[in-house]
Protein backbone atom coordinates (compact mmCIF):
# COMPACT_ATOMS: atom_id res chain seq x y z
CA MET A 1 -5.84 6.60 -1.40
CA GLU A 2 -5.92 7.64 -4.89
CA SER A 3 -2.02 7.04 -5.28
CA ILE A 4 -2.68 3.60 -3.51
CA ARG A 5 -5.58 2.67 -5.58
CA GLN A 6 -3.31 3.64 -8.80
CA THR A 7 -0.23 1.66 -7.81
CA GLN A 8 -2.22 -1.45 -6.73
CA LYS A 9 -4.01 -1.36 -10.08
CA LYS A 10 -0.23 -0.96 -12.14
CA TYR A 11 1.07 -3.41 -10.29
CA CYS A 12 -1.67 -5.90 -9.68
CA ALA A 13 -2.47 -5.69 -13.41
CA ARG A 14 1.14 -6.25 -14.65
CA ALA A 15 1.44 -9.22 -12.37
CA MET A 16 -2.14 -10.82 -13.73
CA ALA A 17 -1.25 -10.27 -17.08
CA ALA A 18 2.20 -11.86 -16.54
CA ALA A 19 0.43 -14.60 -15.30
CA ILE A 20 -1.36 -15.32 -17.16
CA ILE A 21 0.90 -15.32 -20.44
CA VAL A 22 3.47 -17.16 -18.63
CA GLY A 23 0.87 -19.66 -17.19
CA LEU A 24 -0.80 -20.24 -20.70
CA LEU A 25 2.87 -21.47 -21.98
CA PHE A 26 3.30 -23.85 -19.75
CA ILE A 27 -0.37 -25.10 -20.10
CA LEU A 28 0.37 -25.25 -24.15
CA ALA A 29 3.87 -27.05 -23.52
CA GLY A 30 1.39 -29.70 -21.16
CA GLN A 31 2.72 -28.61 -18.03
CA LYS A 32 -1.08 -27.67 -16.53
CA PRO A 33 -0.45 -27.71 -13.42
CA MET A 34 2.09 -25.28 -13.43
CA GLY A 35 0.34 -22.70 -15.47
CA LYS A 36 -2.27 -23.37 -12.92
CA GLY A 37 0.02 -23.00 -9.92
CA LEU A 38 1.82 -19.75 -11.24
CA ILE A 39 -2.05 -18.30 -12.15
CA LEU A 40 -3.42 -19.18 -8.53
CA GLY A 41 -0.37 -17.99 -6.69
CA THR A 42 -0.65 -14.67 -8.50
CA LEU A 43 -4.04 -14.15 -8.00
CA PHE A 44 -4.04 -14.17 -4.19
CA SER A 45 -0.89 -12.12 -4.20
CA VAL A 46 -3.14 -9.91 -5.85
CA ILE A 47 -6.06 -10.31 -3.58
CA ASN A 48 -3.64 -9.52 -0.67
CA PHE A 49 -2.18 -6.84 -1.68
CA VAL A 50 -5.30 -4.57 -2.24
CA LEU A 51 -6.40 -5.87 0.94
CA MET A 52 -3.10 -4.20 2.49
CA GLY A 53 -3.66 -1.16 0.47
CA GLU A 54 -7.22 -1.55 2.14
CA PHE A 55 -6.37 -1.55 5.71
CA ILE A 56 -3.89 1.41 5.74
CA PRO A 57 -6.85 3.57 5.98
CA LEU A 58 -7.96 1.87 9.06
CA GLN A 59 -4.72 2.71 10.79
CA LEU A 60 -4.41 6.14 10.88
CA GLY A 61 -5.99 8.50 13.26
CA HIS A 62 -6.42 5.64 16.10
CA THR A 63 -5.23 5.08 19.62
CA LYS A 64 -1.61 2.78 19.82
CA THR A 65 -4.30 -0.24 21.66
CA LYS A 66 -6.67 0.03 18.66
CA THR A 67 -4.23 0.64 15.69
CA TYR A 68 -1.94 -2.58 17.47
CA PHE A 69 -5.06 -4.30 17.01
CA ILE A 70 -5.90 -3.66 13.30
CA SER A 71 -2.23 -3.90 12.21
CA LEU A 72 -2.79 -7.39 14.00
CA GLY A 73 -5.78 -8.39 12.08
CA SER A 74 -4.66 -7.32 8.88
CA ILE A 75 -1.78 -9.87 9.15
CA ILE A 76 -3.87 -12.66 10.16
CA ILE A 77 -5.94 -12.36 7.59
CA ARG A 78 -3.52 -11.78 4.70
CA TYR A 79 -1.48 -14.54 6.20
CA GLY A 80 -4.70 -16.90 5.99
CA LEU A 81 -5.35 -15.69 2.56
CA ILE A 82 -1.80 -16.51 1.43
CA ALA A 83 -2.20 -19.86 2.84
CA LEU A 84 -4.82 -20.60 0.85
CA PRO A 85 -3.41 -21.53 -2.36
CA LEU A 86 -0.72 -23.35 -0.33
CA LEU A 87 -3.13 -26.02 1.22
CA LEU A 88 -4.91 -26.29 -2.20
CA ALA A 89 -1.23 -27.08 -4.12
CA ILE A 90 -0.49 -29.47 -1.55
CA LYS A 91 -4.06 -31.22 -1.32
CA PHE A 92 -4.59 -31.10 -5.24
CA GLU A 93 -2.28 -32.64 -7.54
CA GLN A 94 -3.46 -30.14 -10.75
CA PHE A 95 -1.56 -27.39 -9.06
CA ASN A 96 2.29 -27.35 -9.00
CA ILE A 97 3.35 -25.90 -5.34
CA LEU A 98 6.43 -24.85 -6.56
CA MET A 99 4.87 -22.19 -9.14
CA VAL A 100 2.03 -21.15 -6.23
CA ILE A 101 4.83 -20.28 -4.41
CA CYS A 102 6.09 -18.13 -7.74
CA GLY A 103 2.90 -16.67 -8.22
CA ILE A 104 2.50 -15.51 -4.61
CA PHE A 105 5.92 -13.51 -4.80
CA MET A 106 4.19 -12.14 -8.25
CA ILE A 107 3.89 -8.88 -6.76
CA GLN A 108 6.83 -8.12 -5.33
CA ILE A 109 8.95 -9.49 -8.77
CA VAL A 110 6.69 -6.86 -10.90
CA ILE A 111 7.93 -4.04 -8.44
CA MET A 112 11.40 -5.08 -8.69
CA ALA A 113 11.44 -5.30 -11.96
CA ASP A 114 9.23 -2.41 -12.24
CA HIS A 115 12.15 -0.34 -10.35
CA LEU A 116 14.93 -2.28 -12.38
CA VAL A 117 13.84 -0.87 -15.53
CA LYS A 118 13.50 2.44 -14.25
CA LYS A 119 17.01 2.33 -12.60
CA ILE A 120 18.56 0.96 -16.34
CA SER A 121 17.18 3.08 -18.41
CA SER A 122 17.76 6.38 -16.27
CA THR A 123 21.45 4.96 -16.46
CA SER A 124 21.76 4.75 -20.05
CA GLU A 125 20.46 8.27 -20.39
CA ASP A 126 23.12 9.51 -18.88
């Protein structure tokens, strides 16, 4: 469980830092909806990632049926959570929907970037 928390802390902190920096740059450039959308999407992405880690231990040690319903409940809750920033972006013009979508994928982008950096640095050392 501790390794899950360390992984979450690492990637969530990097994703939020990147979103805040890029979002601030958009806001300073006069593109407030883009900056706000990126930060909003990333915030919900981070919450989704943390919830994913919280649901993993709940699935262990139960019958197949109970595990199925826990998994299904997890998916429904997390998809509903991800729908919220999309609905906000559709309803309010203060959030850019494309940047909200980019923010929703920010955790995945950070994970891929981390692996690419490790891969590039390991090949350059050889």
